[in-house]
Amino acid sequence: MQERKRNWKDRKDGWYLSGLDSMHVMMPYLFGPRSINEAVLGEVVDLTEVDKYLSEKNAAGPDFKYTWFHVIAAVLAKTILLRPKMNWFISGHRYYERKQIEVAFNVKRQFADESEEAMAKFTLDPEGGSPLEQVHDYVKHFVRKVRVEDKTEGITNSLEIVKNLPRPLFRLMAWSLRKLEYHGLYPQALAKDDPSYSSVYLTNLGSIKMNADYHHLFDWGTVSFFVTIGEKKLRPFWQEDGTAELRNTIKLGMTVDERIADGYYFAKTLRLMRYLFAHPHLLDEPASTPVEFE
């Protein structure tokens, strides 16, 4: 991300956004917390071009296959990079732009009721080459750690340490952390792997044969963008001659903090996402490469 002139109101994870209009300055005070400022968007993604693209990527038989989840995560990361307001968040009644682009998600250790989840967070390198390759390499490493080597990473370890605290101490700890968060002093040792401190939280419900169009935002942390992935299924697409063509699709349910941008900005962001899904080869280019989609 670009360098900024330092401001004493900056956080370790975000640049303070000064010069906003009076309406935006007042919204965090008047409109309540993040969880009651949700805008819900739904998008059915045509996977026709994505399926062709993945066939090409997997033709050589890589040891860790490329999947549509990798494509979705890469599209979201690139979209947020090119549409920077999607990386804004509100904390302590102030607006900030996150310093990194981070995609958070959970990985099930085993597909069983008693199996635990490991929390993952991918950080995009804007100048580090293909966003798809970055996502693919990260997921490959993380899945090997939690499923093959049975190791835990990040905040999962921290939670294991504190989960057995007595309730009064737990409540005091939670109160203290919320106060630190309000003043931008939340410990980075905790935030760096906490999925609630990310640009977008991605949940893959389709992998467990579930569909959901909505997931609420959290008042904990700073995440302003939540995306649920439904199950892949065939859906009809109507042609100009009145006939229907069945295509492989996935439905994305997106929840955003409506205070970070207006409807026009969200609509244009969706158009960029649609274009990237229709032209997935753009994910082979460096993440920062501009996309002409209108």
Protein backbone atom coordinates (compact mmCIF):
# COMPACT_ATOMS: atom_id res chain seq x y z
CA MET A 1 0.00 0.00 0.00
CA GLN A 2 1.11 3.59 -0.55
CA GLU A 3 2.94 5.56 2.09
CA ARG A 4 0.98 8.27 3.89
CA LYS A 5 1.91 11.33 5.88
CA ARG A 6 1.71 10.29 9.53
CA ASN A 7 -1.12 11.53 11.70
CA TRP A 8 -1.22 11.21 15.49
CA LYS A 9 -4.68 9.63 15.11
CA ASP A 10 -3.33 6.78 12.95
CA ARG A 11 -3.55 3.22 14.26
CA LYS A 12 -0.99 0.48 13.80
CA ASP A 13 -3.36 -1.19 11.33
CA GLY A 14 -5.00 1.85 9.74
CA TRP A 15 -4.54 5.40 8.48
CA TYR A 16 -6.87 7.98 9.99
CA LEU A 17 -9.14 9.45 7.32
CA SER A 18 -9.28 13.22 7.76
CA GLY A 19 -11.24 15.72 5.71
CA LEU A 20 -14.44 13.69 5.52
CA ASP A 21 -17.73 15.53 5.09
CA SER A 22 -19.78 16.35 8.17
CA MET A 23 -22.32 13.58 7.54
CA HIS A 24 -19.64 10.88 7.63
CA VAL A 25 -18.03 12.40 10.72
CA MET A 26 -21.37 12.23 12.56
CA MET A 27 -22.57 8.82 11.35
CA PRO A 28 -20.57 6.71 13.86
CA TYR A 29 -22.07 8.76 16.71
CA LEU A 30 -25.65 8.86 15.45
CA PHE A 31 -26.20 5.54 13.69
CA GLY A 32 -24.94 3.09 16.30
CA PRO A 33 -22.53 0.16 15.95
CA ARG A 34 -21.48 -1.76 12.87
CA SER A 35 -23.99 -4.58 13.35
CA ILE A 36 -26.99 -2.26 12.83
CA ASN A 37 -25.50 -0.52 9.78
CA GLU A 38 -25.48 -3.53 7.49
CA ALA A 39 -26.19 -3.40 3.77
CA VAL A 40 -26.85 -6.85 2.28
CA LEU A 41 -25.97 -7.66 -1.32
CA GLY A 42 -26.46 -10.89 -3.27
CA GLU A 43 -24.60 -11.95 -6.41
CA VAL A 44 -24.98 -15.12 -8.47
CA VAL A 45 -21.58 -15.80 -10.07
CA ASP A 46 -21.48 -17.49 -13.46
CA LEU A 47 -18.58 -19.94 -13.19
CA THR A 48 -18.36 -20.76 -16.90
CA GLU A 49 -15.09 -18.90 -17.49
CA VAL A 50 -13.77 -19.76 -14.03
CA ASP A 51 -14.23 -23.49 -14.73
CA LYS A 52 -12.30 -23.16 -18.01
CA TYR A 53 -9.57 -21.21 -16.27
CA LEU A 54 -9.24 -23.77 -13.47
CA SER A 55 -9.03 -26.59 -16.00
CA GLU A 56 -6.08 -24.83 -17.59
CA LYS A 57 -4.39 -24.21 -14.24
CA ASN A 58 -4.83 -27.83 -13.16
CA ALA A 59 -3.94 -29.40 -16.52
CA ALA A 60 -0.34 -30.00 -15.45
CA GLY A 61 -1.47 -31.88 -12.33
CA PRO A 62 -0.18 -29.61 -9.53
CA ASP A 63 0.28 -31.28 -6.13
CA PHE A 64 -2.27 -28.84 -4.67
CA LYS A 65 -5.16 -28.15 -7.03
CA TYR A 66 -6.46 -24.68 -7.86
CA THR A 67 -10.11 -24.30 -6.83
CA TRP A 68 -12.94 -21.83 -7.21
CA PHE A 69 -12.37 -20.83 -3.55
CA HIS A 70 -8.89 -19.60 -4.50
CA VAL A 71 -10.40 -17.64 -7.39
CA ILE A 72 -13.08 -16.06 -5.18
CA ALA A 73 -10.52 -15.05 -2.54
CA ALA A 74 -8.20 -13.61 -5.22
CA VAL A 75 -11.06 -11.68 -6.86
CA LEU A 76 -12.06 -10.19 -3.50
CA ALA A 77 -8.47 -9.22 -2.66
CA LYS A 78 -7.90 -7.56 -6.04
CA THR A 79 -11.28 -5.83 -5.91
CA ILE A 80 -10.51 -4.34 -2.49
CA LEU A 81 -7.11 -3.17 -3.74
CA LEU A 82 -8.68 -1.39 -6.72
CA ARG A 83 -11.70 -0.12 -4.74
CA PRO A 84 -10.00 1.24 -1.59
CA LYS A 85 -13.14 2.33 0.28
CA MET A 86 -13.93 -1.37 0.65
CA ASN A 87 -10.91 -1.43 2.97
CA TRP A 88 -12.23 1.31 5.26
CA PHE A 89 -13.42 0.63 8.79
CA ILE A 90 -14.79 2.57 11.76
CA SER A 91 -13.33 2.22 15.23
CA GLY A 92 -13.51 4.55 18.20
CA HIS A 93 -16.04 6.66 16.23
CA ARG A 94 -13.35 7.42 13.62
CA TYR A 95 -12.83 6.35 10.02
CA TYR A 96 -9.66 4.53 8.98
CA GLU A 97 -8.24 2.92 5.87
CA ARG A 98 -6.63 -0.41 6.61
CA LYS A 99 -2.93 -0.52 5.84
CA GLN A 100 -3.08 -4.03 4.39
CA ILE A 101 -5.52 -6.11 2.39
CA GLU A 102 -6.37 -9.19 4.43
CA VAL A 103 -8.77 -12.02 3.57
CA ALA A 104 -9.83 -14.07 6.60
CA PHE A 105 -11.45 -17.51 6.56
CA ASN A 106 -11.80 -20.68 8.64
CA VAL A 107 -10.39 -24.09 7.80
CA LYS A 108 -12.05 -27.21 9.17
CA ARG A 109 -9.40 -29.68 10.33
CA GLN A 110 -11.57 -32.65 9.44
CA PHE A 111 -15.12 -32.85 8.10
CA ALA A 112 -16.57 -34.18 11.35
CA ASP A 113 -18.86 -32.74 14.04
CA GLU A 114 -16.20 -32.84 16.73
CA SER A 115 -13.45 -31.37 14.55
CA GLU A 116 -12.20 -27.89 15.41
CA GLU A 117 -11.74 -24.93 13.06
CA ALA A 118 -8.46 -23.12 12.49
CA MET A 119 -8.56 -19.40 11.74
CA ALA A 120 -6.58 -18.20 8.72
CA LYS A 121 -5.78 -14.76 7.36
CA PHE A 122 -4.18 -14.16 3.98
CA THR A 123 -2.38 -10.85 3.35
CA LEU A 124 -2.15 -9.64 -0.26
CA ASP A 125 1.14 -8.25 -1.52
CA PRO A 126 0.03 -5.60 -4.07
CA GLU A 127 3.38 -5.84 -5.88
CA GLY A 128 3.93 -9.54 -5.29
CA GLY A 129 2.61 -10.91 -8.56
CA SER A 130 -0.54 -12.85 -9.32
CA PRO A 131 -3.17 -12.62 -6.55
CA LEU A 132 -4.36 -16.13 -7.44
CA GLU A 133 -0.87 -17.59 -6.97
CA GLN A 134 -0.52 -15.73 -3.68
CA VAL A 135 -3.82 -17.13 -2.38
CA HIS A 136 -3.06 -20.63 -3.68
CA ASP A 137 0.37 -20.74 -2.02
CA TYR A 138 -0.97 -19.43 1.29
CA VAL A 139 -3.88 -21.89 1.44
CA LYS A 140 -1.59 -24.77 0.47
CA HIS A 141 0.75 -23.92 3.35
CA PHE A 142 -2.04 -23.35 5.87
CA VAL A 143 -4.01 -26.50 5.02
CA ARG A 144 -0.86 -28.61 5.27
CA LYS A 145 -0.19 -27.15 8.72
CA VAL A 146 -3.65 -27.77 10.19
CA ARG A 147 -4.69 -30.97 8.40
CA VAL A 148 -1.49 -32.86 7.65
CA GLU A 149 0.91 -31.70 10.36
CA ASP A 150 -1.95 -31.05 12.85
CA LYS A 151 -0.43 -27.76 13.99
CA THR A 152 -2.28 -24.66 15.12
CA GLU A 153 -1.41 -21.14 14.04
CA GLY A 154 -2.14 -17.58 14.99
CA ILE A 155 -4.96 -16.64 17.32
CA THR A 156 -6.00 -20.28 17.73
CA ASN A 157 -3.01 -20.74 20.03
CA SER A 158 -3.82 -17.58 21.99
CA LEU A 159 -7.43 -18.66 22.55
CA GLU A 160 -6.28 -22.04 23.85
CA ILE A 161 -4.26 -20.24 26.54
CA VAL A 162 -7.07 -18.03 27.87
CA LYS A 163 -10.17 -20.18 27.35
CA ASN A 164 -10.10 -21.60 30.88
CA LEU A 165 -9.90 -18.29 32.74
CA PRO A 166 -12.51 -17.74 35.48
CA ARG A 167 -15.50 -15.75 34.25
CA PRO A 168 -14.73 -12.56 36.21
CA LEU A 169 -11.22 -12.47 34.73
CA PHE A 170 -12.57 -13.23 31.29
CA ARG A 171 -15.05 -10.34 31.56
CA LEU A 172 -12.34 -7.99 32.78
CA MET A 173 -10.06 -9.06 29.94
CA ALA A 174 -12.82 -8.53 27.35
CA TRP A 175 -13.68 -5.09 28.80
CA SER A 176 -10.01 -4.08 28.77
CA LEU A 177 -9.52 -5.23 25.16
CA ARG A 178 -12.59 -3.29 24.01
CA LYS A 179 -11.25 -0.14 25.68
CA LEU A 180 -7.87 -0.64 24.03
CA GLU A 181 -9.58 -1.16 20.67
CA TYR A 182 -11.61 2.04 21.04
CA HIS A 183 -8.41 4.03 21.50
CA GLY A 184 -6.54 2.19 18.75
CA LEU A 185 -4.26 0.39 21.20
CA TYR A 186 -5.42 -3.20 20.71
CA PRO A 187 -2.34 -5.49 20.84
CA GLN A 188 -1.11 -6.29 17.33
CA ALA A 189 0.12 -9.65 18.56
CA LEU A 190 -3.58 -10.59 18.86
CA ALA A 191 -4.99 -8.57 15.95
CA LYS A 192 -2.55 -9.84 13.31
CA ASP A 193 -4.17 -13.29 13.21
CA ASP A 194 -7.69 -12.43 14.41
CA PRO A 195 -10.12 -12.79 11.45
CA SER A 196 -12.26 -10.02 12.94
CA TYR A 197 -9.38 -7.67 12.10
CA SER A 198 -9.39 -8.11 8.33
CA SER A 199 -10.55 -6.50 5.11
CA VAL A 200 -13.06 -9.24 4.38
CA TYR A 201 -14.21 -12.33 6.27
CA LEU A 202 -14.97 -15.16 3.86
CA THR A 203 -17.00 -18.22 4.90
CA ASN A 204 -17.29 -21.18 2.55
CA LEU A 205 -20.65 -22.72 3.44
CA GLY A 206 -20.85 -24.50 0.11
CA SER A 207 -18.04 -26.80 1.19
CA ILE A 208 -20.34 -28.23 3.91
CA LYS A 209 -23.40 -28.37 1.61
CA MET A 210 -25.05 -25.27 3.05
CA ASN A 211 -26.53 -22.16 1.51
CA ALA A 212 -26.94 -18.79 3.22
CA ASP A 213 -27.39 -15.36 1.69
CA TYR A 214 -26.44 -13.41 4.79
CA HIS A 215 -24.01 -13.30 7.68
CA HIS A 216 -24.08 -10.47 10.22
CA LEU A 217 -21.13 -8.16 10.82
CA PHE A 218 -19.33 -8.14 14.15
CA ASP A 219 -19.13 -5.22 16.56
CA TRP A 220 -15.90 -6.81 17.76
CA GLY A 221 -12.85 -6.05 15.64
CA THR A 222 -12.77 -3.90 12.52
CA VAL A 223 -14.03 -6.04 9.64
CA SER A 224 -16.54 -4.12 7.48
CA PHE A 225 -17.12 -6.74 4.76
CA PHE A 226 -18.43 -10.31 5.15
CA VAL A 227 -18.94 -12.77 2.27
CA THR A 228 -20.69 -16.14 2.40
CA ILE A 229 -20.14 -18.68 -0.40
CA GLY A 230 -23.06 -20.96 -1.16
CA GLU A 231 -23.11 -24.38 -2.79
CA LYS A 232 -22.30 -24.75 -6.47
CA LYS A 233 -25.38 -25.49 -8.55
CA LEU A 234 -26.77 -25.24 -12.07
CA ARG A 235 -28.99 -22.21 -12.67
CA PRO A 236 -30.83 -21.08 -15.83
CA PHE A 237 -29.56 -18.06 -17.76
CA TRP A 238 -32.11 -16.67 -20.18
CA GLN A 239 -31.09 -15.90 -23.75
CA GLU A 240 -32.48 -13.20 -26.05
CA ASP A 241 -34.49 -15.80 -28.01
CA GLY A 242 -36.34 -16.87 -24.86
CA THR A 243 -34.47 -20.11 -24.32
CA ALA A 244 -32.61 -20.90 -21.11
CA GLU A 245 -29.07 -22.20 -20.75
CA LEU A 246 -28.00 -24.02 -17.59
CA ARG A 247 -24.67 -22.80 -16.21
CA ASN A 248 -22.57 -23.71 -13.20
CA THR A 249 -22.93 -20.99 -10.55
CA ILE A 250 -22.17 -19.99 -6.98
CA LYS A 251 -24.13 -17.44 -4.99
CA LEU A 252 -22.25 -14.94 -2.87
CA GLY A 253 -24.01 -13.26 0.03
CA MET A 254 -22.24 -10.01 0.90
CA THR A 255 -22.75 -7.86 3.99
CA VAL A 256 -21.02 -4.48 4.25
CA ASP A 257 -20.99 -1.60 6.70
CA GLU A 258 -23.05 0.91 4.74
CA ARG A 259 -21.31 3.81 6.46
CA ILE A 260 -18.00 3.24 4.60
CA ALA A 261 -19.33 4.13 1.14
CA ASP A 262 -22.50 4.95 -0.79
CA GLY A 263 -24.68 2.76 -2.99
CA TYR A 264 -23.03 3.91 -6.22
CA TYR A 265 -19.61 2.89 -4.90
CA PHE A 266 -20.89 -0.56 -3.89
CA ALA A 267 -22.60 -1.03 -7.27
CA LYS A 268 -19.43 -0.19 -9.17
CA THR A 269 -17.48 -2.55 -6.93
CA LEU A 270 -19.89 -5.35 -7.86
CA ARG A 271 -19.40 -4.59 -11.55
CA LEU A 272 -15.64 -4.97 -11.12
CA MET A 273 -16.14 -8.32 -9.36
CA ARG A 274 -18.39 -9.56 -12.16
CA TYR A 275 -15.79 -8.55 -14.74
CA LEU A 276 -13.00 -10.40 -12.93
CA PHE A 277 -15.10 -13.58 -12.69
CA ALA A 278 -15.84 -13.28 -16.42
CA HIS A 279 -12.12 -12.65 -17.19
CA PRO A 280 -10.25 -14.75 -14.60
CA HIS A 281 -6.99 -14.63 -16.58
CA LEU A 282 -6.61 -11.10 -15.20
CA LEU A 283 -5.74 -12.80 -11.91
CA ASP A 284 -2.46 -13.95 -13.50
CA GLU A 285 -1.30 -10.33 -13.68
CA PRO A 286 0.21 -8.44 -10.71
CA ALA A 287 -2.48 -7.56 -8.17
CA SER A 288 -2.02 -3.81 -8.66
CA THR A 289 -2.62 -3.98 -12.44
CA PRO A 290 -5.60 -1.70 -13.24
CA VAL A 291 -8.72 -3.21 -14.81
CA GLU A 292 -10.80 -1.39 -17.41
CA PHE A 293 -14.25 -2.77 -16.76
CA GLU A 294 -16.59 0.02 -17.89
